[in-house]
Protein backbone atom coordinates (compact mmCIF):
# COMPACT_ATOMS: atom_id res chain seq x y z
CA MET A 1 -24.50 -164.97 -118.87
CA ASN A 2 -21.39 -164.09 -121.22
CA ARG A 3 -18.30 -164.09 -120.48
CA ARG A 4 -17.16 -159.84 -121.28
CA ASP A 5 -20.64 -159.65 -119.12
CA PHE A 6 -19.82 -161.51 -116.32
CA LEU A 7 -16.08 -159.74 -116.12
CA ARG A 8 -18.24 -156.06 -116.02
CA ARG A 9 -20.31 -158.09 -113.37
CA ALA A 10 -18.13 -158.57 -111.43
CA ALA A 11 -15.51 -155.10 -111.52
CA LEU A 12 -18.83 -153.56 -110.42
CA LEU A 13 -19.60 -155.79 -107.57
CA THR A 14 -15.83 -155.43 -106.65
CA ALA A 15 -15.63 -151.32 -106.40
CA THR A 16 -19.55 -151.45 -104.71
CA GLY A 17 -18.36 -154.52 -102.23
CA TRP A 18 -20.93 -157.00 -102.32
CA LEU A 19 -18.34 -159.06 -104.18
CA ALA A 20 -17.20 -159.51 -100.22
CA ARG A 21 -20.28 -161.71 -99.81
CA PHE A 22 -19.69 -164.36 -102.08
CA PRO A 23 -16.52 -166.80 -101.37
CA LEU A 24 -13.38 -166.18 -101.99
CA THR A 25 -13.20 -168.74 -105.13
CA ALA A 26 -16.34 -166.41 -106.79
CA GLN A 27 -13.28 -163.65 -106.54
CA THR A 28 -10.46 -165.82 -107.66
CA ALA A 29 -12.44 -166.79 -110.76
CA ALA A 30 -13.28 -163.83 -111.72
CA ALA A 31 -9.39 -162.41 -111.55
CA ALA A 32 -7.92 -165.69 -113.20
CA THR A 33 -10.32 -165.24 -116.07
CA THR A 34 -8.95 -161.79 -116.00
CA ALA A 35 -5.65 -162.34 -116.31
CA ALA A 36 -5.72 -165.24 -118.76
CA LEU A 37 -7.55 -163.28 -121.25
CA GLY A 38 -4.75 -160.53 -120.91
CA THR A 39 -4.30 -156.79 -119.56
CA PHE A 40 -3.62 -153.35 -120.27
CA HIS A 41 -0.71 -151.23 -120.05
CA PRO A 42 -0.09 -147.75 -120.61
CA LEU A 43 2.93 -146.08 -121.86
CA ARG A 44 2.78 -142.78 -123.55
CA ARG A 45 0.61 -140.46 -124.81
CA GLY A 46 -2.67 -142.72 -124.85
CA VAL A 47 0.19 -145.80 -126.45
CA GLY A 48 0.29 -149.00 -125.05
CA TYR A 49 0.22 -152.38 -124.84
CA PHE A 50 -2.08 -156.06 -124.14
CA SER A 51 -0.25 -158.76 -122.78
CA GLY A 52 -2.75 -161.57 -123.72
CA ARG A 53 -2.04 -165.23 -125.66
CA GLY A 54 0.36 -164.58 -128.63
CA GLY A 55 2.49 -161.98 -130.01
CA THR A 56 1.65 -158.89 -128.17
CA ILE A 57 -0.54 -156.37 -129.03
CA GLY A 58 -0.22 -152.49 -129.14
CA TRP A 59 -2.82 -149.81 -129.23
CA LEU A 60 -2.98 -146.02 -129.33
CA ALA A 61 -6.42 -144.62 -127.86
CA ASP A 62 -6.54 -141.13 -127.15
CA ALA A 63 -9.81 -138.62 -128.13
CA SER A 64 -9.58 -138.40 -131.59
CA ALA A 65 -7.99 -141.54 -132.39
CA LEU A 66 -8.26 -145.27 -131.53
CA ALA A 67 -5.39 -147.91 -133.68
CA VAL A 68 -4.30 -151.49 -132.66
CA VAL A 69 -0.87 -153.14 -133.67
CA ASP A 70 -1.86 -156.88 -133.90
CA THR A 71 -4.67 -159.15 -132.82
CA GLN A 72 -3.43 -161.72 -130.84
CA PHE A 73 -6.36 -164.75 -130.97
CA PRO A 74 -10.06 -164.45 -131.20
CA ASP A 75 -11.01 -164.71 -127.76
CA THR A 76 -8.17 -162.80 -126.85
CA ALA A 77 -8.94 -160.32 -129.60
CA ALA A 78 -12.82 -159.55 -128.58
CA PHE A 79 -10.77 -158.66 -124.96
CA CYS A 80 -9.05 -156.10 -126.50
CA LEU A 81 -11.62 -154.78 -128.28
CA GLY A 82 -13.77 -154.92 -125.54
CA GLY A 83 -11.01 -153.11 -122.76
CA LEU A 84 -10.02 -150.54 -125.77
CA PRO A 85 -9.15 -147.35 -123.34
CA GLY A 86 -11.56 -144.73 -124.14
CA ARG A 87 -12.58 -146.39 -126.84
CA GLU A 88 -16.71 -146.40 -125.73
CA GLY A 89 -17.90 -147.77 -129.08
CA ARG A 90 -16.07 -146.12 -131.15
CA ARG A 91 -14.41 -147.61 -134.70
CA ILE A 92 -10.98 -148.29 -134.92
CA ASP A 93 -8.93 -146.23 -137.19
CA VAL A 94 -6.54 -148.46 -138.65
CA VAL A 95 -5.25 -152.59 -137.76
CA ILE A 96 -1.49 -152.87 -138.37
CA ASN A 97 -0.66 -156.12 -138.89
CA THR A 98 3.53 -156.44 -138.20
CA HIS A 99 3.41 -160.07 -140.02
CA HIS A 100 1.65 -162.78 -141.12
CA HIS A 101 1.89 -165.45 -138.72
CA ARG A 102 -1.80 -166.62 -136.55
CA ASP A 103 -0.14 -165.60 -133.39
CA HIS A 104 -0.63 -162.19 -134.55
CA THR A 105 -3.76 -161.69 -136.98
CA ALA A 106 -6.04 -164.45 -135.97
CA GLY A 107 -8.62 -161.97 -134.17
CA ASN A 108 -8.29 -159.95 -137.40
CA GLY A 109 -11.95 -160.89 -137.89
CA VAL A 110 -13.09 -159.96 -134.39
CA PHE A 111 -11.45 -156.50 -135.30
CA ARG A 112 -12.44 -156.16 -138.72
CA PRO A 113 -16.43 -155.63 -138.49
CA VAL A 114 -15.42 -152.67 -136.42
CA ALA A 115 -11.98 -150.78 -138.16
CA GLY A 116 -11.43 -149.00 -140.93
CA LYS A 117 -9.09 -150.95 -142.73
CA ILE A 118 -6.48 -153.72 -141.93
CA VAL A 119 -3.21 -153.01 -143.39
CA ALA A 120 -0.05 -155.04 -143.09
CA GLN A 121 3.59 -155.35 -145.68
CA ALA A 122 2.42 -156.45 -149.05
CA ASN A 123 4.06 -159.81 -148.75
CA VAL A 124 2.30 -161.16 -145.92
CA PRO A 125 -1.44 -161.42 -147.96
CA GLU A 126 0.62 -164.29 -149.92
CA LEU A 127 2.86 -165.63 -146.46
CA GLN A 128 -0.77 -165.81 -144.63
CA LEU A 129 -2.84 -167.83 -147.62
CA ALA A 130 0.11 -170.03 -147.56
CA ALA A 131 0.55 -170.91 -143.99
CA ALA A 132 -3.21 -171.14 -143.89
CA ALA A 133 -3.26 -173.88 -146.90
CA ARG A 134 -0.31 -175.55 -144.59
CA SER A 135 -2.53 -175.69 -141.02
CA GLY A 136 -5.95 -175.80 -142.83
CA THR A 137 -7.10 -172.66 -142.07
CA GLU A 138 -8.23 -170.72 -145.04
CA SER A 139 -11.56 -170.28 -144.08
CA GLU A 140 -10.73 -168.85 -141.15
CA GLU A 141 -8.16 -166.25 -142.35
CA VAL A 142 -9.31 -162.39 -142.53
CA LEU A 143 -6.46 -160.56 -144.98
CA ALA A 144 -4.76 -156.81 -145.25
CA ASP A 145 -6.89 -154.69 -147.31
CA GLU A 146 -4.34 -152.71 -147.72
CA THR A 147 -0.62 -152.90 -147.91
CA PHE A 148 2.18 -151.32 -148.73
CA ALA A 149 5.46 -152.45 -150.05
CA GLU A 150 8.38 -150.59 -147.77
CA PHE A 151 6.77 -147.73 -146.06
CA TRP A 152 3.04 -146.15 -145.00
CA ARG A 153 2.22 -143.30 -143.11
CA ARG A 154 -1.15 -142.23 -141.70
CA ASP A 155 -2.25 -139.04 -139.05
CA LEU A 156 -4.44 -140.21 -136.16
CA GLY A 157 -5.79 -137.59 -134.25
CA ASP A 158 -2.69 -135.56 -132.77
CA GLU A 159 -0.40 -138.65 -133.20
CA VAL A 160 1.55 -139.74 -136.25
CA VAL A 161 1.90 -143.73 -137.06
CA THR A 162 4.26 -144.56 -140.18
CA ALA A 163 5.29 -148.46 -140.47
CA GLN A 164 8.24 -149.72 -142.81
CA TYR A 165 9.90 -152.50 -143.52
CA LEU A 166 13.47 -153.44 -143.65
CA GLY A 167 14.10 -156.32 -145.75
CA ALA A 168 13.67 -160.14 -144.88
CA ALA A 169 14.28 -161.13 -141.32
CA HIS A 170 11.92 -163.12 -139.16
CA THR A 171 9.96 -163.47 -141.98
CA ASN A 172 9.76 -162.20 -145.46
CA GLY A 173 7.00 -159.48 -144.56
CA ASP A 174 8.45 -158.24 -140.39
CA ALA A 175 6.34 -154.53 -140.21
CA ILE A 176 7.89 -152.16 -137.54
CA VAL A 177 5.41 -149.62 -136.50
CA HIS A 178 6.03 -146.27 -135.07
CA PHE A 179 4.08 -143.99 -133.15
CA GLU A 180 5.88 -141.10 -133.69
CA ARG A 181 4.94 -138.35 -130.57
CA ALA A 182 4.45 -140.34 -128.46
CA ASN A 183 7.84 -142.44 -129.94
CA VAL A 184 7.09 -145.75 -129.56
CA VAL A 185 8.18 -148.58 -131.56
CA HIS A 186 6.55 -151.84 -131.74
CA MET A 187 9.11 -154.33 -133.36
CA GLY A 188 6.35 -157.09 -133.63
CA ASP A 189 8.44 -160.75 -133.58
CA LEU A 190 11.61 -158.71 -134.75
CA VAL A 191 12.65 -159.17 -130.84
CA PHE A 192 12.09 -161.92 -129.28
CA ASN A 193 13.50 -160.09 -125.85
CA ARG A 194 15.64 -162.87 -124.10
CA LEU A 195 13.79 -165.80 -125.99
CA TYR A 196 15.14 -168.21 -128.75
CA PRO A 197 13.54 -166.74 -131.16
CA VAL A 198 11.00 -168.24 -134.23
CA ILE A 199 13.35 -168.49 -137.64
CA ASP A 200 10.62 -169.02 -140.33
CA ARG A 201 12.49 -169.62 -142.99
CA PRO A 202 9.78 -171.47 -145.43
CA ALA A 203 8.48 -167.46 -145.22
CA GLY A 204 11.58 -166.22 -146.43
CA ALA A 205 13.66 -165.69 -143.02
CA SER A 206 17.21 -164.29 -142.63
CA ILE A 207 19.64 -164.33 -139.98
CA ARG A 208 21.83 -162.63 -141.81
CA HIS A 209 19.84 -159.48 -142.94
CA TRP A 210 17.84 -159.92 -139.58
CA ILE A 211 21.12 -158.34 -138.08
CA THR A 212 21.18 -155.61 -140.37
CA VAL A 213 17.34 -155.21 -140.07
CA LEU A 214 17.76 -154.98 -135.57
CA GLU A 215 20.63 -152.00 -136.87
CA GLU A 216 18.91 -150.17 -138.71
CA ALA A 217 16.14 -149.85 -136.35
CA VAL A 218 18.83 -148.65 -133.61
CA ALA A 219 19.65 -145.89 -135.89
CA TYR A 220 16.84 -144.88 -137.31
CA TYR A 221 14.27 -144.76 -134.27
CA PRO A 222 14.79 -142.12 -131.47
CA LYS A 223 17.20 -142.98 -128.93
CA ASP A 224 14.97 -142.37 -126.57
CA ALA A 225 11.53 -144.66 -127.79
CA ILE A 226 9.86 -147.05 -126.11
CA TYR A 227 10.21 -150.79 -127.93
CA ILE A 228 7.50 -152.67 -127.60
CA PHE A 229 8.21 -156.46 -128.06
CA GLY A 230 6.22 -159.40 -130.18
CA HIS A 231 7.28 -162.07 -126.93
CA GLY A 232 9.37 -161.90 -124.08
CA LYS A 233 10.47 -164.01 -120.94
CA PRO A 234 8.72 -163.19 -118.08
CA ASP A 235 11.62 -161.72 -116.07
CA PHE A 236 13.15 -159.39 -118.80
CA GLY A 237 9.08 -158.40 -120.45
CA VAL A 238 7.85 -156.74 -123.94
CA THR A 239 9.17 -153.94 -123.27
CA GLY A 240 12.25 -152.27 -123.66
CA GLY A 241 15.12 -149.96 -125.68
CA GLN A 242 18.02 -150.22 -127.36
CA ASP A 243 20.49 -152.35 -125.63
CA ASP A 244 17.58 -155.24 -125.75
CA LEU A 245 17.37 -154.65 -129.60
CA LEU A 246 21.15 -154.96 -129.64
CA ASP A 247 21.31 -158.02 -127.66
CA PHE A 248 19.26 -159.82 -129.72
CA ARG A 249 21.44 -158.86 -132.46
CA ASP A 250 24.37 -159.86 -130.62
CA TYR A 251 22.29 -163.22 -129.91
CA LEU A 252 21.93 -163.70 -133.67
CA ALA A 253 25.11 -163.22 -135.33
CA GLY A 254 26.81 -165.28 -132.17
CA LEU A 255 23.68 -167.68 -133.84
CA LEU A 256 25.75 -168.05 -136.50
CA ALA A 257 29.09 -167.62 -135.81
CA HIS A 258 29.13 -170.89 -133.81
CA VAL A 259 27.44 -173.36 -136.43
CA GLU A 260 30.03 -171.35 -139.06
CA ARG A 261 32.46 -173.11 -136.93
CA GLU A 262 30.89 -176.05 -136.06
CA ILE A 263 30.11 -176.28 -140.00
CA ALA A 264 34.06 -175.85 -140.52
CA ALA A 265 35.04 -178.52 -137.95
CA GLY A 266 33.21 -180.29 -139.51
CA LYS A 267 30.46 -181.13 -137.91
CA SER A 268 27.39 -182.92 -139.41
CA ARG A 269 23.55 -180.81 -138.56
CA ALA A 270 22.38 -183.66 -137.19
CA GLU A 271 25.60 -182.86 -134.67
CA ILE A 272 25.07 -179.19 -134.78
CA VAL A 273 21.69 -178.72 -133.73
CA GLY A 274 22.61 -181.08 -130.41
CA LEU A 275 23.74 -178.12 -128.36
CA ALA A 276 21.29 -178.06 -125.53
CA ASN A 277 22.14 -174.01 -124.64
CA LEU A 278 24.67 -171.45 -126.91
CA PRO A 279 27.49 -170.39 -124.32
CA GLY A 280 27.18 -167.00 -124.03
CA PHE A 281 23.45 -166.85 -124.19
CA ASP A 282 22.09 -167.63 -120.58
CA ASP A 283 19.68 -165.70 -120.78
CA PHE A 284 17.89 -167.27 -123.71
CA HIS A 285 17.36 -170.38 -122.59
CA THR A 286 13.89 -171.92 -121.98
CA PRO A 287 14.25 -175.61 -121.39
CA ALA A 288 10.70 -176.18 -123.06
CA PRO A 289 9.97 -175.71 -125.27
CA ASN A 290 14.13 -175.07 -126.26
CA ARG A 291 13.90 -173.33 -129.95
CA LEU A 292 17.89 -173.34 -129.20
CA ALA A 293 17.72 -176.92 -132.24
CA GLY A 294 15.23 -175.33 -134.93
CA ASN A 295 17.61 -172.33 -134.57
CA LEU A 296 20.67 -173.99 -134.98
CA GLY A 297 19.21 -175.61 -137.96
CA THR A 298 18.49 -173.23 -140.16
CA ALA A 299 21.45 -171.31 -139.01
CA TYR A 300 23.30 -174.38 -140.54
CA ASP A 301 20.77 -174.34 -143.85
CA GLU A 302 21.07 -170.97 -144.59
CA LEU A 303 24.93 -170.62 -144.29
CA THR A 304 25.07 -174.57 -146.24
CA ALA A 305 22.72 -171.87 -149.12
CA GLU A 306 24.87 -169.06 -149.27
CA ARG A 307 28.18 -171.79 -149.94
CA GLY A 308 26.08 -173.90 -152.23
């Protein structure tokens, strides 16, 4: 029996009371397997998110349209596809990748056979292939077959889905996806909710312009939008509002300001990256892995490149 059949059978047995006849360990194993693969969280008007391993997946599922934003890894992508609410064997109209990182695109191959198209910002395929060449995963990559430079739009049933690129930030290919009528905005990795972020400078990241992108997003999207974030600390979650975008913007601005002061004080890169926690941003600190050293080093590199 494969994993999917096992989970379905476990759910059926639970509903009919038969699972109670088995040892508690069987029930615990089924629950643990389901929890490890991910869970579905409806938000509004057929839009929700799937939390599994990797960047948060967004989804639209209604009577006339199916869409997915990001695909995580093959195992969780398969679980997401199999359990997508209301799918019942229907094809996915579109899969949108918010950017190229593998925890958002490695599941593309799972969705590709049942998806009308995969869409991404125009820089994403090249960035994805370059990253694959470094990691030796070229044979595993499934690229977007439709790209856009700045803006993409599609009517899906009674929903309107848009994606836009506001310039270099987390990478040089980040898309913000908006389900307009549901008023849900998927930010991808443009927001790490109360976490020190990944800043992919080799892929064109810009901390300074990331700040601008977040401010433009707050100004552009409705004040009552629900935002989905690529990653979030468990205590804060992967959904929120404009205040969360501004809080993350403040972290990025604080990071640049701190490193700029340290450079002005004559400190070396090695001295600057030794900081364990950025003052004023205790919510962002995670002991392991602690990305702050990488953030500080990237900020140093960006600021010294600006001066150079």
